[in-house]
Amino acid sequence: MNDCLFCKIIAGQIPSKKIYEDEHTYAFEDIDPKAPTHVLIVPKKHITGLKEATREEAEIVGLCHLTAAKIGRERGIEDGYRTVLNVGPKSGQSVFHLHVHLLGGRDLRWPPG
């Protein structure tokens, strides 16, 4: 998608602090972190959000979470981290390209917000 911020980041048109990349996902540091580890994991395929994802895209949504788990292991935060998918503007979604937030490295409270 031409005007999508995350598509431009994936394409290298906008700089990011890349953490991980494979055939299906791209992960980078959040520019406004809410925890010591705050990484965004995005599918390389543009999917507007979870509510727009199709059954055929279920695998890529799952791969985003598996990438989060891999980064969690690498960061040594397996004793407690959170993956978050914000869905729609009322949840705080501001970039409409599906992305998983990986948050960890500190105690996380419940309920989250």
N, C-alpha and C. Protein backbone atom coordinates (compact mmCIF):
# COMPACT_ATOMS: atom_id res chain seq x y z
N MET A 1 0.86 -1.18 0.00
CA MET A 1 0.00 0.00 0.00
C MET A 1 0.90 1.24 0.00
N ASN A 2 0.67 2.15 -0.90
CA ASN A 2 1.58 3.27 -1.12
C ASN A 2 1.70 4.24 0.05
N ASP A 3 0.63 4.50 0.77
CA ASP A 3 0.68 5.52 1.82
C ASP A 3 0.79 4.93 3.23
N CYS A 4 1.07 3.65 3.35
CA CYS A 4 1.14 2.98 4.65
C CYS A 4 2.53 3.16 5.26
N LEU A 5 2.59 3.71 6.46
CA LEU A 5 3.85 3.92 7.16
C LEU A 5 4.64 2.63 7.31
N PHE A 6 4.00 1.56 7.75
CA PHE A 6 4.72 0.30 7.98
C PHE A 6 5.16 -0.34 6.66
N CYS A 7 4.39 -0.21 5.60
CA CYS A 7 4.83 -0.71 4.30
C CYS A 7 6.09 0.03 3.85
N LYS A 8 6.14 1.32 4.12
CA LYS A 8 7.33 2.11 3.76
C LYS A 8 8.53 1.71 4.60
N ILE A 9 8.31 1.41 5.88
CA ILE A 9 9.39 0.93 6.74
C ILE A 9 9.92 -0.41 6.23
N ILE A 10 9.02 -1.33 5.93
CA ILE A 10 9.41 -2.65 5.41
C ILE A 10 10.21 -2.50 4.12
N ALA A 11 9.80 -1.56 3.26
CA ALA A 11 10.47 -1.34 1.97
C ALA A 11 11.79 -0.60 2.11
N GLY A 12 12.10 -0.11 3.32
CA GLY A 12 13.34 0.63 3.53
C GLY A 12 13.25 2.09 3.14
N GLN A 13 12.04 2.59 2.86
CA GLN A 13 11.85 3.99 2.49
C GLN A 13 11.87 4.91 3.69
N ILE A 14 11.57 4.35 4.87
CA ILE A 14 11.61 5.09 6.13
C ILE A 14 12.50 4.28 7.07
N PRO A 15 13.46 4.92 7.73
CA PRO A 15 14.38 4.17 8.59
C PRO A 15 13.68 3.61 9.83
N SER A 16 14.20 2.48 10.30
CA SER A 16 13.72 1.87 11.53
C SER A 16 14.91 1.16 12.17
N LYS A 17 14.76 0.85 13.45
CA LYS A 17 15.77 0.05 14.13
C LYS A 17 15.31 -1.40 14.04
N LYS A 18 15.71 -2.05 12.97
CA LYS A 18 15.27 -3.42 12.70
C LYS A 18 15.85 -4.37 13.73
N ILE A 19 14.98 -5.26 14.22
CA ILE A 19 15.35 -6.29 15.19
C ILE A 19 15.43 -7.64 14.50
N TYR A 20 14.51 -7.88 13.57
CA TYR A 20 14.40 -9.20 12.96
C TYR A 20 13.65 -9.07 11.64
N GLU A 21 14.01 -9.94 10.71
CA GLU A 21 13.28 -9.99 9.45
C GLU A 21 13.38 -11.41 8.90
N ASP A 22 12.27 -11.90 8.37
CA ASP A 22 12.27 -13.16 7.64
C ASP A 22 11.36 -12.99 6.43
N GLU A 23 11.03 -14.08 5.80
CA GLU A 23 10.23 -14.04 4.58
C GLU A 23 8.85 -13.39 4.79
N HIS A 24 8.29 -13.55 6.00
CA HIS A 24 6.91 -13.12 6.24
C HIS A 24 6.76 -11.94 7.20
N THR A 25 7.74 -11.71 8.07
CA THR A 25 7.58 -10.69 9.11
C THR A 25 8.78 -9.75 9.16
N TYR A 26 8.54 -8.60 9.75
CA TYR A 26 9.56 -7.58 9.95
C TYR A 26 9.33 -7.03 11.36
N ALA A 27 10.37 -6.96 12.17
CA ALA A 27 10.23 -6.47 13.55
C ALA A 27 11.20 -5.33 13.79
N PHE A 28 10.72 -4.31 14.50
CA PHE A 28 11.55 -3.14 14.77
C PHE A 28 11.15 -2.51 16.10
N GLU A 29 12.08 -1.73 16.66
CA GLU A 29 11.83 -1.05 17.93
C GLU A 29 10.75 0.02 17.75
N ASP A 30 9.84 0.11 18.71
CA ASP A 30 8.83 1.16 18.72
C ASP A 30 9.53 2.49 19.00
N ILE A 31 9.12 3.55 18.31
CA ILE A 31 9.77 4.85 18.51
C ILE A 31 9.30 5.56 19.78
N ASP A 32 8.22 5.06 20.40
CA ASP A 32 7.71 5.62 21.65
C ASP A 32 7.48 4.47 22.62
N PRO A 33 8.56 3.84 23.12
CA PRO A 33 8.41 2.62 23.91
C PRO A 33 7.66 2.82 25.22
N LYS A 34 6.85 1.82 25.55
CA LYS A 34 6.08 1.80 26.80
C LYS A 34 6.65 0.82 27.81
N ALA A 35 7.76 0.17 27.44
CA ALA A 35 8.45 -0.79 28.31
C ALA A 35 9.89 -0.90 27.81
N PRO A 36 10.79 -1.44 28.63
CA PRO A 36 12.17 -1.59 28.17
C PRO A 36 12.28 -2.36 26.85
N THR A 37 11.47 -3.38 26.67
CA THR A 37 11.33 -4.01 25.35
C THR A 37 9.97 -3.62 24.82
N HIS A 38 9.98 -2.92 23.71
CA HIS A 38 8.74 -2.59 23.00
C HIS A 38 9.06 -2.67 21.51
N VAL A 39 8.75 -3.83 20.97
CA VAL A 39 9.04 -4.14 19.58
C VAL A 39 7.72 -4.31 18.83
N LEU A 40 7.69 -3.82 17.60
CA LEU A 40 6.53 -4.03 16.74
C LEU A 40 6.87 -5.11 15.73
N ILE A 41 5.99 -6.07 15.60
CA ILE A 41 6.16 -7.14 14.62
C ILE A 41 5.03 -6.99 13.61
N VAL A 42 5.41 -6.83 12.34
CA VAL A 42 4.42 -6.59 11.30
C VAL A 42 4.55 -7.65 10.20
N PRO A 43 3.43 -8.06 9.62
CA PRO A 43 3.53 -8.93 8.45
C PRO A 43 4.00 -8.10 7.26
N LYS A 44 4.80 -8.71 6.41
CA LYS A 44 5.24 -8.01 5.21
C LYS A 44 4.08 -7.77 4.26
N LYS A 45 3.10 -8.65 4.30
CA LYS A 45 1.88 -8.44 3.50
C LYS A 45 1.02 -7.40 4.22
N HIS A 46 0.53 -6.42 3.50
CA HIS A 46 -0.32 -5.42 4.13
C HIS A 46 -1.67 -6.03 4.48
N ILE A 47 -1.98 -6.00 5.77
CA ILE A 47 -3.28 -6.36 6.31
C ILE A 47 -3.67 -5.18 7.19
N THR A 48 -4.80 -4.58 6.94
CA THR A 48 -5.19 -3.35 7.64
C THR A 48 -5.24 -3.54 9.15
N GLY A 49 -5.80 -4.63 9.60
CA GLY A 49 -5.91 -4.90 11.03
C GLY A 49 -6.49 -6.28 11.26
N LEU A 50 -6.60 -6.68 12.52
CA LEU A 50 -7.11 -8.00 12.84
C LEU A 50 -8.53 -8.20 12.34
N LYS A 51 -9.38 -7.18 12.48
CA LYS A 51 -10.77 -7.35 12.06
C LYS A 51 -10.91 -7.46 10.55
N GLU A 52 -9.89 -7.04 9.80
CA GLU A 52 -9.93 -7.17 8.35
C GLU A 52 -9.23 -8.44 7.85
N ALA A 53 -8.50 -9.11 8.75
CA ALA A 53 -7.77 -10.32 8.35
C ALA A 53 -8.74 -11.42 7.96
N THR A 54 -8.31 -12.22 7.02
CA THR A 54 -9.14 -13.33 6.54
C THR A 54 -8.60 -14.65 7.10
N ARG A 55 -9.38 -15.68 6.95
CA ARG A 55 -8.97 -17.01 7.38
C ARG A 55 -7.67 -17.42 6.69
N GLU A 56 -7.53 -17.03 5.44
CA GLU A 56 -6.31 -17.35 4.68
C GLU A 56 -5.08 -16.64 5.26
N GLU A 57 -5.29 -15.59 6.01
CA GLU A 57 -4.17 -14.83 6.60
C GLU A 57 -3.89 -15.23 8.05
N ALA A 58 -4.59 -16.24 8.54
CA ALA A 58 -4.41 -16.68 9.93
C ALA A 58 -2.97 -17.11 10.20
N GLU A 59 -2.35 -17.77 9.24
CA GLU A 59 -0.98 -18.23 9.44
C GLU A 59 -0.03 -17.06 9.67
N ILE A 60 -0.16 -16.00 8.90
CA ILE A 60 0.74 -14.86 9.06
C ILE A 60 0.50 -14.16 10.40
N VAL A 61 -0.74 -14.11 10.86
CA VAL A 61 -1.02 -13.54 12.18
C VAL A 61 -0.32 -14.37 13.26
N GLY A 62 -0.41 -15.68 13.13
CA GLY A 62 0.28 -16.57 14.06
C GLY A 62 1.79 -16.43 13.98
N LEU A 63 2.33 -16.28 12.77
CA LEU A 63 3.78 -16.11 12.62
C LEU A 63 4.27 -14.83 13.29
N CYS A 64 3.44 -13.79 13.28
CA CYS A 64 3.82 -12.56 13.99
C CYS A 64 4.00 -12.85 15.49
N HIS A 65 3.11 -13.65 16.06
CA HIS A 65 3.23 -14.00 17.48
C HIS A 65 4.42 -14.91 17.74
N LEU A 66 4.71 -15.83 16.84
CA LEU A 66 5.89 -16.69 17.00
C LEU A 66 7.17 -15.87 16.90
N THR A 67 7.18 -14.86 16.04
CA THR A 67 8.33 -13.96 15.97
C THR A 67 8.48 -13.20 17.29
N ALA A 68 7.37 -12.78 17.88
CA ALA A 68 7.42 -12.12 19.19
C ALA A 68 8.03 -13.05 20.23
N ALA A 69 7.64 -14.32 20.23
CA ALA A 69 8.18 -15.28 21.18
C ALA A 69 9.68 -15.46 20.98
N LYS A 70 10.12 -15.51 19.74
CA LYS A 70 11.55 -15.64 19.43
C LYS A 70 12.33 -14.44 19.98
N ILE A 71 11.80 -13.25 19.76
CA ILE A 71 12.47 -12.05 20.26
C ILE A 71 12.45 -12.03 21.78
N GLY A 72 11.34 -12.46 22.39
CA GLY A 72 11.26 -12.56 23.85
C GLY A 72 12.35 -13.46 24.42
N ARG A 73 12.56 -14.61 23.78
CA ARG A 73 13.64 -15.52 24.21
C ARG A 73 14.99 -14.83 24.08
N GLU A 74 15.23 -14.19 22.94
CA GLU A 74 16.51 -13.53 22.70
C GLU A 74 16.78 -12.40 23.68
N ARG A 75 15.72 -11.73 24.11
CA ARG A 75 15.85 -10.61 25.04
C ARG A 75 15.87 -11.06 26.50
N GLY A 76 15.63 -12.34 26.75
CA GLY A 76 15.64 -12.85 28.11
C GLY A 76 14.48 -12.37 28.95
N ILE A 77 13.32 -12.19 28.33
CA ILE A 77 12.15 -11.69 29.07
C ILE A 77 11.05 -12.75 29.16
N GLU A 78 11.45 -14.02 29.07
CA GLU A 78 10.45 -15.09 29.08
C GLU A 78 9.71 -15.23 30.40
N ASP A 79 10.17 -14.58 31.45
CA ASP A 79 9.45 -14.64 32.72
C ASP A 79 8.22 -13.74 32.73
N GLY A 80 8.05 -12.96 31.68
CA GLY A 80 6.84 -12.15 31.59
C GLY A 80 6.92 -11.11 30.50
N TYR A 81 6.12 -11.31 29.47
CA TYR A 81 5.96 -10.30 28.43
C TYR A 81 4.53 -10.36 27.93
N ARG A 82 4.17 -9.39 27.16
CA ARG A 82 2.80 -9.31 26.64
C ARG A 82 2.86 -9.07 25.14
N THR A 83 1.96 -9.72 24.41
CA THR A 83 1.75 -9.38 23.01
C THR A 83 0.39 -8.72 22.91
N VAL A 84 0.33 -7.64 22.15
CA VAL A 84 -0.90 -6.85 22.07
C VAL A 84 -1.20 -6.55 20.61
N LEU A 85 -2.45 -6.74 20.24
CA LEU A 85 -2.97 -6.30 18.95
C LEU A 85 -4.04 -5.25 19.24
N ASN A 86 -3.78 -4.00 18.90
CA ASN A 86 -4.81 -2.98 19.03
C ASN A 86 -5.68 -3.04 17.78
N VAL A 87 -6.99 -3.00 17.96
CA VAL A 87 -7.91 -3.15 16.84
C VAL A 87 -8.83 -1.93 16.81
N GLY A 88 -8.59 -1.06 15.86
CA GLY A 88 -9.43 0.11 15.67
C GLY A 88 -8.96 1.31 16.48
N PRO A 89 -9.42 2.49 16.09
CA PRO A 89 -8.98 3.74 16.73
C PRO A 89 -9.28 3.82 18.23
N LYS A 90 -10.40 3.26 18.69
CA LYS A 90 -10.73 3.34 20.11
C LYS A 90 -9.80 2.51 20.98
N SER A 91 -9.05 1.59 20.37
CA SER A 91 -8.09 0.78 21.13
C SER A 91 -6.71 1.43 21.15
N GLY A 92 -6.53 2.46 20.35
CA GLY A 92 -5.23 3.11 20.24
C GLY A 92 -4.51 2.80 18.95
N GLN A 93 -5.13 2.01 18.05
CA GLN A 93 -4.48 1.73 16.78
C GLN A 93 -4.39 3.02 15.98
N SER A 94 -3.16 3.40 15.62
CA SER A 94 -2.98 4.63 14.86
C SER A 94 -2.35 4.37 13.49
N VAL A 95 -1.74 3.21 13.31
CA VAL A 95 -1.23 2.81 12.00
C VAL A 95 -2.05 1.60 11.56
N PHE A 96 -2.69 1.73 10.43
CA PHE A 96 -3.62 0.70 9.99
C PHE A 96 -2.93 -0.30 9.05
N HIS A 97 -1.98 -0.98 9.66
CA HIS A 97 -1.28 -2.15 9.11
C HIS A 97 -1.14 -3.05 10.34
N LEU A 98 -1.73 -4.22 10.29
CA LEU A 98 -1.71 -5.12 11.44
C LEU A 98 -0.31 -5.17 12.04
N HIS A 99 -0.22 -5.08 13.35
CA HIS A 99 1.07 -5.20 14.03
C HIS A 99 0.87 -5.69 15.45
N VAL A 100 1.83 -6.50 15.88
CA VAL A 100 1.82 -7.04 17.24
C VAL A 100 2.85 -6.26 18.04
N HIS A 101 2.42 -5.74 19.19
CA HIS A 101 3.35 -5.10 20.13
C HIS A 101 3.90 -6.19 21.05
N LEU A 102 5.20 -6.25 21.19
CA LEU A 102 5.85 -7.10 22.19
C LEU A 102 6.35 -6.18 23.29
N LEU A 103 5.79 -6.33 24.50
CA LEU A 103 6.14 -5.49 25.64
C LEU A 103 6.69 -6.35 26.76
N GLY A 104 7.81 -5.95 27.32
CA GLY A 104 8.39 -6.71 28.43
C GLY A 104 9.58 -5.99 29.02
N GLY A 105 10.22 -6.67 29.95
CA GLY A 105 11.38 -6.10 30.61
C GLY A 105 11.05 -5.32 31.87
N ARG A 106 9.79 -5.33 32.26
CA ARG A 106 9.35 -4.73 33.53
C ARG A 106 8.07 -5.45 33.95
N ASP A 107 7.65 -5.25 35.19
CA ASP A 107 6.39 -5.83 35.63
C ASP A 107 5.25 -5.17 34.86
N LEU A 108 4.36 -5.99 34.35
CA LEU A 108 3.21 -5.50 33.60
C LEU A 108 1.96 -5.70 34.46
N ARG A 109 1.18 -4.67 34.59
CA ARG A 109 -0.01 -4.69 35.45
C ARG A 109 -1.23 -5.20 34.70
N TRP A 110 -2.24 -5.63 35.47
CA TRP A 110 -3.52 -6.04 34.90
C TRP A 110 -4.62 -5.40 35.69
N PRO A 111 -5.65 -4.84 35.09
CA PRO A 111 -5.85 -4.76 33.65
C PRO A 111 -4.90 -3.75 33.00
N PRO A 112 -4.63 -3.93 31.71
CA PRO A 112 -3.62 -3.11 31.06
C PRO A 112 -4.02 -1.67 30.82
N GLY A 113 -5.28 -1.36 30.68
CA GLY A 113 -5.59 0.03 30.37
C GLY A 113 -7.00 0.29 30.52
